[in-house]
Amino acid sequence: MAAFLKKIVGFIIFAVLFSSSYGQSINDLRKEKEKTTKEIDYINNLLKETDKNAKTSINRLAILERKLVLQASLISNINFELGYLDSTINRSSQNLDSLNADLISIKNRYAEMIRYARRNQNQNNQLVFLLSADDFNQAYKRFTYLKQYADYRRTQVEEINQLKEKLGELVVDLNKKKSDKEHLLSSKINQSETFARQKTEQKEYYASLQKKDKDLRKKLENQQKLAMKLEQEIQRSIAEEARKSTVKTSKAPGVKPSPELKNLSDDFSMNKGKLPWPLQRGLITDHFGEHPDLVLKHVMRKNSGIDITTESGAKARAVFKGEVSKVLAMGGNWAIILRHGSYLSVYSNLSGVSVQVGQKVETKQDLGTVFTDREDDNRTVLKFQLWYENSKLDPEKWISM
C-alpha cells in the first residue's frame, strides 16, 4: 500500500508539472494563433477596401502574398498544437490505464482483507481479545493495535476515494483534450481549403499583372522619380541643419552641440527595436533596400524606407518626440520630416498635414492623413523612412514588430 501511494503521489506531482508546462505551451500557441488570425482579418478588410477589378496593383499582390504567409503559419501552428495534443493524450491515457489497474488491484486486496475479518470476527472478537490479555500492559497494547487497525482501514477507504476522485478529474481533462483535438482537426481542414483557394487567387492575380508589364513599368518609374525628389529634399534638409550649426559655432567659438539635441539623439538610439509604428495599424507591403520586383522580371526595386498599407483615413503619427524640420509638397501630396537630434523620421504620401515647421511633437502625435489613391486600387500607403544624418536606416529594425 505504501509503495502504491508513493507511486500515486509521484504521478500527481508529474501530472501537475506536466499540465503546467502543457498549459504554458498551449497558451503561447493560442496567443500566436489569435494574433495571426487578427492580422488575417485585418488583411481581409484591406482587400475589401481595394477594387477587386484592378489589374495593375503590385500593392494588392503584396497583400495577397502576406495573407498566404500568414495562412501557412496558421496551419503550421494548428499542426504543432495537434501534435502536442496527441502526445499529451497518449501519455495521459497510458497513465490512466496504469492507475486504474493499480486501483483495481488494491481494491481487490482490500476486499479480501474485509472478507477475512468477517469470516474470523467470532473467533477474534475484540472484547475477548482484550480480556484474554495476561496483564494491563498487554491489554493496552492490544487496544492500541485494534485502534490503529481500524484507523488504517478508514485511511485506506479515504485514500481509495481520493484516488477515484483524482482519476475522475483526469478523465474529464483527457476528454477535454480530445474535444480540443476534434475542433482543431476541423479548423485545419477549413484553413487548408482556404489556403488552396487563396493560392489560386494569388496565381491568377499574378498572371493578370504580368500582362500589364508596360503600365507597371510606368508606375514604377513615376514612383522612383518621387522617391528621388524626396531623398534630395531630405539631403537638402540635412545640409541646411549642418549649415545652421556651423554658423552658430563660428559666431560663438567653443560652443558645443546643444545638450538637448544630444540627449534626444541618445534617447532615440536607445529605443531601437522599440519605437511605435508610424500608424496605429498597418501591413508592411514593401521592404527597405534593393530587392526584386514581385512581377517585373529583371527589375530591382529600391526603397529608402518601407511602405505600410493601411485603411482609408488613417493618420500618420510620430514615432518619437522631436521637431518638425520640413513640410514638403510631393507629387500632389505631402511629406513631413521630423528631427530627433541627429536622427530623422520621414512620413510621405500624405493627403494633408496637421503640423507646421518648427513645431514640437510628442511620440504618437498625429501628423497628417495618409493619401488614398482612388485611381489605383483605392490603396492607402504610408511611405516611412528613418535616417541618421546622411545614412539610411532600415525602419523594420527600429520599430516594434
Protein backbone atom coordinates (compact mmCIF):
# COMPACT_ATOMS: atom_id res chain seq x y z
CA MET A 1 0.00 0.00 0.00
CA ALA A 2 2.79 2.44 0.91
CA ALA A 3 4.56 1.77 -2.37
CA PHE A 4 1.32 2.29 -4.25
CA LEU A 5 0.60 5.59 -2.51
CA LYS A 6 4.16 6.70 -3.23
CA LYS A 7 3.55 5.94 -6.88
CA ILE A 8 0.30 7.93 -6.82
CA VAL A 9 1.97 10.93 -5.22
CA GLY A 10 4.74 10.79 -7.83
CA PHE A 11 2.24 10.59 -10.65
CA ILE A 12 0.20 13.51 -9.31
CA ILE A 13 3.34 15.65 -8.97
CA PHE A 14 4.33 14.74 -12.54
CA ALA A 15 0.80 15.44 -13.79
CA VAL A 16 0.75 18.86 -12.15
CA LEU A 17 4.16 19.83 -13.54
CA PHE A 18 3.39 18.47 -16.99
CA SER A 19 -0.02 20.11 -17.00
CA SER A 20 1.57 23.44 -16.08
CA SER A 21 4.16 23.11 -18.87
CA TYR A 22 1.48 21.95 -21.29
CA GLY A 23 -0.74 24.89 -20.34
CA GLN A 24 2.03 27.42 -20.89
CA SER A 25 2.99 25.97 -24.27
CA ILE A 26 -0.60 25.71 -25.48
CA ASN A 27 -1.34 29.23 -24.24
CA ASP A 28 1.65 30.55 -26.19
CA LEU A 29 0.48 28.71 -29.30
CA ARG A 30 -3.07 30.01 -28.94
CA LYS A 31 -1.91 33.58 -28.39
CA GLU A 32 0.20 33.37 -31.54
CA LYS A 33 -2.72 31.83 -33.43
CA GLU A 34 -5.05 34.58 -32.21
CA LYS A 35 -2.55 37.24 -33.29
CA THR A 36 -2.20 35.66 -36.74
CA THR A 37 -5.97 35.34 -37.13
CA LYS A 38 -6.44 39.02 -36.26
CA GLU A 39 -3.85 40.04 -38.85
CA ILE A 40 -5.59 37.89 -41.48
CA ASP A 41 -8.90 39.58 -40.62
CA TYR A 42 -7.21 42.96 -40.97
CA ILE A 43 -5.83 41.98 -44.39
CA ASN A 44 -9.31 40.88 -45.46
CA ASN A 45 -10.61 44.33 -44.52
CA LEU A 46 -7.81 45.98 -46.52
CA LEU A 47 -8.65 43.85 -49.54
CA LYS A 48 -12.33 44.81 -49.24
CA GLU A 49 -11.33 48.47 -49.50
CA THR A 50 -9.47 47.91 -52.75
CA ASP A 51 -11.00 47.49 -56.15
CA LYS A 52 -11.18 43.78 -56.92
CA ASN A 53 -11.14 44.54 -60.63
CA ALA A 54 -7.88 46.49 -60.51
CA LYS A 55 -5.26 44.74 -62.62
CA THR A 56 -2.15 46.87 -62.16
CA SER A 57 -1.63 46.95 -58.39
CA ILE A 58 1.54 45.31 -57.14
CA ASN A 59 0.48 46.55 -53.72
CA ARG A 60 -2.56 44.26 -53.84
CA LEU A 61 -0.32 41.37 -54.85
CA ALA A 62 1.93 42.10 -51.85
CA ILE A 63 -1.12 41.98 -49.58
CA LEU A 64 -2.16 38.63 -51.05
CA GLU A 65 1.41 37.32 -50.62
CA ARG A 66 1.38 38.33 -46.95
CA LYS A 67 -2.00 36.70 -46.45
CA LEU A 68 -0.68 33.41 -47.85
CA VAL A 69 2.31 33.54 -45.49
CA LEU A 70 0.01 34.12 -42.51
CA GLN A 71 -2.36 31.37 -43.62
CA ALA A 72 0.52 28.91 -43.90
CA SER A 73 1.75 30.00 -40.46
CA LEU A 74 -1.72 29.41 -39.03
CA ILE A 75 -1.85 25.89 -40.48
CA SER A 76 1.63 25.16 -39.12
CA ASN A 77 0.53 26.40 -35.71
CA ILE A 78 -2.51 24.12 -35.79
CA ASN A 79 -0.35 21.13 -36.80
CA PHE A 80 2.03 21.80 -33.92
CA GLU A 81 -0.83 22.06 -31.45
CA LEU A 82 -2.33 18.83 -32.81
CA GLY A 83 1.00 17.06 -32.32
CA TYR A 84 1.20 18.41 -28.79
CA LEU A 85 -2.33 17.22 -28.02
CA ASP A 86 -1.67 13.78 -29.50
CA SER A 87 1.41 13.36 -27.34
CA THR A 88 -0.43 14.53 -24.22
CA ILE A 89 -3.49 12.38 -24.90
CA ASN A 90 -1.35 9.25 -25.38
CA ARG A 91 0.67 9.91 -22.25
CA SER A 92 -2.42 10.65 -20.18
CA SER A 93 -4.21 7.56 -21.48
CA GLN A 94 -1.26 5.33 -20.55
CA ASN A 95 -1.06 6.81 -17.06
CA LEU A 96 -4.80 6.45 -16.55
CA ASP A 97 -4.69 2.79 -17.64
CA SER A 98 -1.82 2.12 -15.25
CA LEU A 99 -3.52 3.84 -12.32
CA ASN A 100 -6.83 2.11 -12.99
CA ALA A 101 -5.09 -1.25 -12.98
CA ASP A 102 -3.35 -0.42 -9.67
CA LEU A 103 -6.62 0.81 -8.19
CA ILE A 104 -8.40 -2.40 -9.13
CA SER A 105 -5.56 -4.40 -7.57
CA ILE A 106 -5.61 -2.53 -4.26
CA LYS A 107 -9.41 -2.62 -4.09
CA ASN A 108 -9.28 -6.40 -4.56
CA ARG A 109 -6.70 -6.76 -1.78
CA TYR A 110 -8.76 -4.52 0.50
CA ALA A 111 -11.93 -6.52 -0.22
CA GLU A 112 -10.07 -9.75 0.59
CA MET A 113 -8.93 -8.24 3.93
CA ILE A 114 -12.53 -7.32 4.80
CA ARG A 115 -13.83 -10.78 3.90
CA TYR A 116 -11.14 -12.38 6.07
CA ALA A 117 -12.03 -10.16 9.00
CA ARG A 118 -15.73 -11.04 8.68
CA ARG A 119 -15.03 -14.78 8.50
CA ASN A 120 -12.98 -14.60 11.69
CA GLN A 121 -14.90 -11.97 13.61
CA ASN A 122 -16.44 -14.54 16.09
CA GLN A 123 -13.10 -16.17 16.80
CA ASN A 124 -11.27 -12.88 17.14
CA ASN A 125 -13.93 -10.93 18.97
CA GLN A 126 -12.32 -7.66 20.01
CA LEU A 127 -13.66 -7.84 23.59
CA VAL A 128 -12.43 -11.44 24.08
CA PHE A 129 -9.16 -10.42 22.52
CA LEU A 130 -8.76 -7.64 25.10
CA LEU A 131 -9.97 -9.65 28.15
CA SER A 132 -7.69 -12.56 27.39
CA ALA A 133 -4.62 -10.37 27.94
CA ASP A 134 -2.20 -11.54 30.67
CA ASP A 135 -1.94 -8.10 32.25
CA PHE A 136 -2.98 -4.46 31.83
CA ASN A 137 0.02 -3.51 29.71
CA GLN A 138 -0.71 -6.28 27.26
CA ALA A 139 -4.39 -5.30 27.14
CA TYR A 140 -3.44 -1.69 26.43
CA LYS A 141 -1.13 -2.75 23.63
CA ARG A 142 -3.94 -4.90 22.16
CA PHE A 143 -6.35 -1.94 22.41
CA THR A 144 -3.83 0.33 20.66
CA TYR A 145 -3.32 -2.27 17.93
CA LEU A 146 -7.08 -2.58 17.29
CA LYS A 147 -7.42 1.20 17.13
CA GLN A 148 -4.51 1.50 14.68
CA TYR A 149 -6.01 -1.30 12.59
CA ALA A 150 -9.37 0.49 12.43
CA ASP A 151 -7.66 3.78 11.57
CA TYR A 152 -5.66 2.05 8.88
CA ARG A 153 -8.81 0.60 7.30
CA ARG A 154 -10.51 4.01 7.39
CA THR A 155 -7.44 5.67 5.87
CA GLN A 156 -7.42 3.08 3.10
CA VAL A 157 -11.01 3.87 2.25
CA GLU A 158 -10.31 7.62 2.20
CA GLU A 159 -7.24 7.18 0.01
CA ILE A 160 -9.14 4.98 -2.44
CA ASN A 161 -11.95 7.55 -2.64
CA GLN A 162 -9.48 10.39 -3.14
CA LEU A 163 -7.74 8.46 -5.86
CA LYS A 164 -11.05 7.72 -7.60
CA GLU A 165 -11.87 11.44 -7.48
CA LYS A 166 -8.47 12.34 -8.92
CA LEU A 167 -8.86 9.77 -11.67
CA GLY A 168 -12.27 11.24 -12.46
CA GLU A 169 -10.72 14.71 -12.84
CA LEU A 170 -8.02 13.32 -15.12
CA VAL A 171 -10.64 11.59 -17.25
CA VAL A 172 -12.55 14.88 -17.62
CA ASP A 173 -9.33 16.65 -18.59
CA LEU A 174 -8.48 13.92 -21.09
CA ASN A 175 -11.93 14.16 -22.68
CA LYS A 176 -11.50 17.94 -22.97
CA LYS A 177 -8.18 17.47 -24.77
CA LYS A 178 -9.85 15.01 -27.14
CA SER A 179 -12.60 17.55 -27.80
CA ASP A 180 -9.97 20.24 -28.43
CA LYS A 181 -8.31 17.92 -30.92
CA GLU A 182 -11.57 17.40 -32.82
CA HIS A 183 -12.10 21.16 -33.08
CA LEU A 184 -8.52 21.65 -34.25
CA LEU A 185 -8.85 18.98 -36.92
CA SER A 186 -11.99 20.70 -38.21
CA SER A 187 -10.20 24.05 -38.16
CA LYS A 188 -7.22 22.59 -40.02
CA ILE A 189 -9.46 21.29 -42.79
CA ASN A 190 -11.14 24.69 -43.16
CA GLN A 191 -7.83 26.58 -43.14
CA SER A 192 -6.28 24.20 -45.68
CA GLU A 193 -9.23 24.68 -48.02
CA THR A 194 -8.99 28.46 -47.59
CA PHE A 195 -5.25 28.37 -48.29
CA ALA A 196 -5.82 26.42 -51.52
CA ARG A 197 -8.40 28.97 -52.72
CA GLN A 198 -6.14 31.90 -51.83
CA LYS A 199 -3.18 30.29 -53.60
CA THR A 200 -5.28 30.02 -56.74
CA GLU A 201 -6.41 33.66 -56.40
CA GLN A 202 -2.82 34.82 -55.94
CA LYS A 203 -1.64 32.91 -59.03
CA GLU A 204 -4.46 34.32 -61.14
CA TYR A 205 -3.77 37.86 -59.98
CA TYR A 206 -0.04 37.43 -60.60
CA ALA A 207 -0.79 36.23 -64.16
CA SER A 208 -3.05 39.22 -64.81
CA LEU A 209 -0.32 41.62 -63.62
CA GLN A 210 2.26 40.08 -65.93
CA LYS A 211 0.06 41.08 -68.86
CA LYS A 212 0.28 44.72 -67.70
CA ASP A 213 4.05 44.97 -67.95
CA LYS A 214 4.03 48.38 -69.67
CA ASP A 215 1.68 50.02 -67.15
CA LEU A 216 3.61 48.61 -64.21
CA ARG A 217 6.93 49.89 -65.53
CA LYS A 218 5.45 53.36 -66.00
CA LYS A 219 4.10 53.36 -62.43
CA LEU A 220 7.44 52.20 -61.06
CA GLU A 221 9.24 54.93 -62.98
CA ASN A 222 6.94 57.62 -61.52
CA GLN A 223 7.39 56.21 -58.02
CA GLN A 224 11.18 56.29 -58.37
CA LYS A 225 11.07 59.91 -59.54
CA LEU A 226 9.07 60.92 -56.48
CA ALA A 227 11.38 58.91 -54.24
CA MET A 228 14.43 60.64 -55.73
CA LYS A 229 12.84 64.07 -55.24
CA LEU A 230 12.03 63.28 -51.60
CA GLU A 231 15.55 62.00 -51.00
CA GLN A 232 17.01 65.20 -52.44
CA GLU A 233 14.80 67.23 -50.09
CA ILE A 234 15.97 65.14 -47.13
CA GLN A 235 19.61 65.67 -48.10
CA ARG A 236 18.91 69.39 -48.51
CA SER A 237 17.31 69.49 -45.03
CA ILE A 238 20.32 67.71 -43.51
CA ALA A 239 22.73 70.10 -45.22
CA GLU A 240 20.72 73.09 -44.03
CA GLU A 241 20.77 71.86 -40.43
CA ALA A 242 24.53 71.33 -40.69
CA ARG A 243 24.98 74.86 -42.10
CA LYS A 244 22.98 76.39 -39.24
CA SER A 245 25.08 74.51 -36.73
CA THR A 246 28.32 75.68 -38.41
CA VAL A 247 27.22 79.33 -38.43
CA LYS A 248 26.22 79.17 -34.78
CA THR A 249 29.54 77.62 -33.80
CA SER A 250 31.61 80.13 -35.84
CA LYS A 251 29.89 83.07 -34.12
CA ALA A 252 30.49 81.60 -30.70
CA PRO A 253 33.81 79.73 -30.60
CA GLY A 254 33.86 76.84 -28.17
CA VAL A 255 30.08 76.34 -28.26
CA LYS A 256 29.25 72.62 -28.19
CA PRO A 257 26.19 70.95 -29.75
CA SER A 258 23.02 71.51 -27.76
CA PRO A 259 22.80 69.08 -24.81
CA GLU A 260 19.08 68.83 -25.52
CA LEU A 261 19.71 67.59 -29.07
CA LYS A 262 22.41 65.20 -27.90
CA ASN A 263 20.10 63.76 -25.24
CA LEU A 264 17.34 63.43 -27.81
CA SER A 265 19.67 61.51 -30.12
CA ASP A 266 20.75 59.24 -27.28
CA ASP A 267 17.14 58.62 -26.24
CA PHE A 268 16.21 57.79 -29.83
CA SER A 269 19.10 55.36 -30.30
CA MET A 270 18.28 53.59 -27.03
CA ASN A 271 14.80 52.83 -28.37
CA LYS A 272 15.97 50.80 -31.34
CA GLY A 273 13.51 47.96 -31.86
CA LYS A 274 11.00 49.62 -29.50
CA LEU A 275 9.73 52.61 -31.48
CA PRO A 276 5.96 52.62 -32.04
CA TRP A 277 4.56 52.18 -35.54
CA PRO A 278 4.06 55.36 -37.59
CA LEU A 279 0.44 54.22 -37.91
CA GLN A 280 -1.97 52.81 -35.41
CA ARG A 281 -2.25 49.75 -37.60
CA GLY A 282 -0.93 48.63 -40.96
CA LEU A 283 0.77 45.98 -43.07
CA ILE A 284 4.29 46.28 -44.50
CA THR A 285 3.95 45.72 -48.24
CA ASP A 286 7.39 46.85 -49.43
CA HIS A 287 10.65 46.49 -47.55
CA PHE A 288 13.81 48.54 -47.14
CA GLY A 289 16.67 48.38 -49.61
CA GLU A 290 17.06 46.86 -53.04
CA HIS A 291 15.08 43.74 -53.94
CA PRO A 292 13.48 42.09 -57.00
CA ASP A 293 10.10 43.36 -58.14
CA LEU A 294 7.23 40.97 -57.39
CA VAL A 295 6.15 40.89 -61.04
CA LEU A 296 8.56 42.63 -63.41
CA LYS A 297 11.36 40.34 -64.47
CA HIS A 298 14.95 41.54 -64.11
CA VAL A 299 13.76 44.73 -62.37
CA MET A 300 15.10 45.72 -58.97
CA ARG A 301 13.05 47.94 -56.69
CA LYS A 302 14.83 50.43 -54.42
CA ASN A 303 13.18 51.66 -51.27
CA SER A 304 14.82 54.11 -48.88
CA GLY A 305 12.32 53.07 -46.23
CA ILE A 306 9.24 50.85 -46.02
CA ASP A 307 5.72 51.03 -47.44
CA ILE A 308 2.90 50.40 -44.97
CA THR A 309 -0.57 49.71 -46.33
CA THR A 310 -3.39 50.81 -44.04
CA GLU A 311 -7.10 51.62 -44.09
CA SER A 312 -8.60 54.74 -45.66
CA GLY A 313 -8.50 57.79 -43.38
CA ALA A 314 -5.59 56.51 -41.30
CA LYS A 315 -3.38 59.06 -39.53
CA ALA A 316 0.41 59.07 -39.68
CA ARG A 317 1.92 59.55 -36.23
CA ALA A 318 5.32 60.47 -34.84
CA VAL A 319 7.45 57.50 -33.81
CA PHE A 320 9.35 59.66 -31.30
CA LYS A 321 9.30 63.14 -29.81
CA GLY A 322 11.08 65.80 -31.87
CA GLU A 323 10.64 68.87 -34.04
CA VAL A 324 9.09 69.36 -37.48
CA SER A 325 12.05 70.10 -39.76
CA LYS A 326 10.25 70.22 -43.13
CA VAL A 327 6.73 70.07 -44.58
CA LEU A 328 7.01 69.35 -48.30
CA ALA A 329 4.63 69.20 -51.25
CA MET A 330 5.43 65.99 -53.10
CA GLY A 331 3.68 64.98 -56.33
CA GLY A 332 0.36 66.49 -55.29
CA ASN A 333 0.67 65.07 -51.77
CA TRP A 334 2.67 65.97 -48.68
CA ALA A 335 5.71 64.76 -46.77
CA ILE A 336 6.86 65.58 -43.25
CA ILE A 337 10.42 65.38 -41.90
CA LEU A 338 10.86 65.21 -38.12
CA ARG A 339 14.21 65.75 -36.44
CA HIS A 340 15.11 63.79 -33.30
CA GLY A 341 18.58 65.12 -32.58
CA SER A 342 20.84 63.50 -35.18
CA TYR A 343 18.02 61.23 -36.36
CA LEU A 344 15.30 61.99 -38.91
CA SER A 345 11.94 60.28 -39.45
CA VAL A 346 10.14 60.85 -42.76
CA TYR A 347 6.42 60.40 -43.46
CA SER A 348 5.31 60.79 -47.09
CA ASN A 349 2.29 60.15 -49.33
CA LEU A 350 0.01 62.24 -47.09
CA SER A 351 -3.16 63.91 -48.34
CA GLY A 352 -3.00 66.55 -45.60
CA VAL A 353 -0.86 67.61 -42.64
CA SER A 354 -1.71 68.82 -39.14
CA VAL A 355 1.70 70.21 -38.08
CA GLN A 356 3.98 73.03 -39.21
CA VAL A 357 7.72 73.68 -39.45
CA GLY A 358 9.34 74.34 -36.08
CA GLN A 359 6.54 72.69 -34.10
CA LYS A 360 7.48 70.35 -31.25
CA VAL A 361 5.73 66.99 -31.41
CA GLU A 362 5.34 64.11 -28.97
CA THR A 363 5.54 60.37 -29.53
CA LYS A 364 2.42 59.03 -31.31
CA GLN A 365 1.15 62.53 -32.10
CA ASP A 366 -0.91 62.73 -35.31
CA LEU A 367 0.95 64.36 -38.18
CA GLY A 368 -1.48 64.07 -41.07
CA THR A 369 -3.79 61.83 -43.07
CA VAL A 370 -2.42 59.11 -45.35
CA PHE A 371 -3.41 59.55 -49.00
CA THR A 372 -5.89 57.08 -50.52
CA ASP A 373 -5.38 56.69 -54.27
CA ARG A 374 -8.87 56.29 -55.76
CA GLU A 375 -7.38 55.75 -59.22
CA ASP A 376 -5.02 53.00 -58.15
CA ASP A 377 -6.87 50.18 -56.43
CA ASN A 378 -8.03 52.53 -53.62
CA ARG A 379 -4.74 51.82 -51.91
CA THR A 380 -3.73 53.74 -48.79
CA VAL A 381 0.04 53.55 -48.31
CA LEU A 382 2.31 55.45 -45.92
CA LYS A 383 5.93 55.68 -47.04
CA PHE A 384 8.11 55.79 -43.93
CA GLN A 385 11.87 56.36 -43.67
CA LEU A 386 14.48 56.68 -40.93
CA TRP A 387 17.85 58.44 -41.30
CA TYR A 388 20.87 59.01 -39.13
CA GLU A 389 22.13 62.23 -40.71
CA ASN A 390 23.22 61.09 -44.22
CA SER A 391 22.75 57.36 -43.58
CA LYS A 392 19.56 55.49 -44.39
CA LEU A 393 18.29 53.07 -41.75
CA ASP A 394 16.07 50.02 -42.07
CA PRO A 395 12.86 51.04 -40.21
CA GLU A 396 11.92 47.41 -39.53
CA LYS A 397 14.94 47.15 -37.23
CA TRP A 398 13.78 50.18 -35.25
CA ILE A 399 10.01 49.87 -34.88
CA SER A 400 8.42 47.39 -32.54
CA MET A 401 7.32 44.33 -34.51
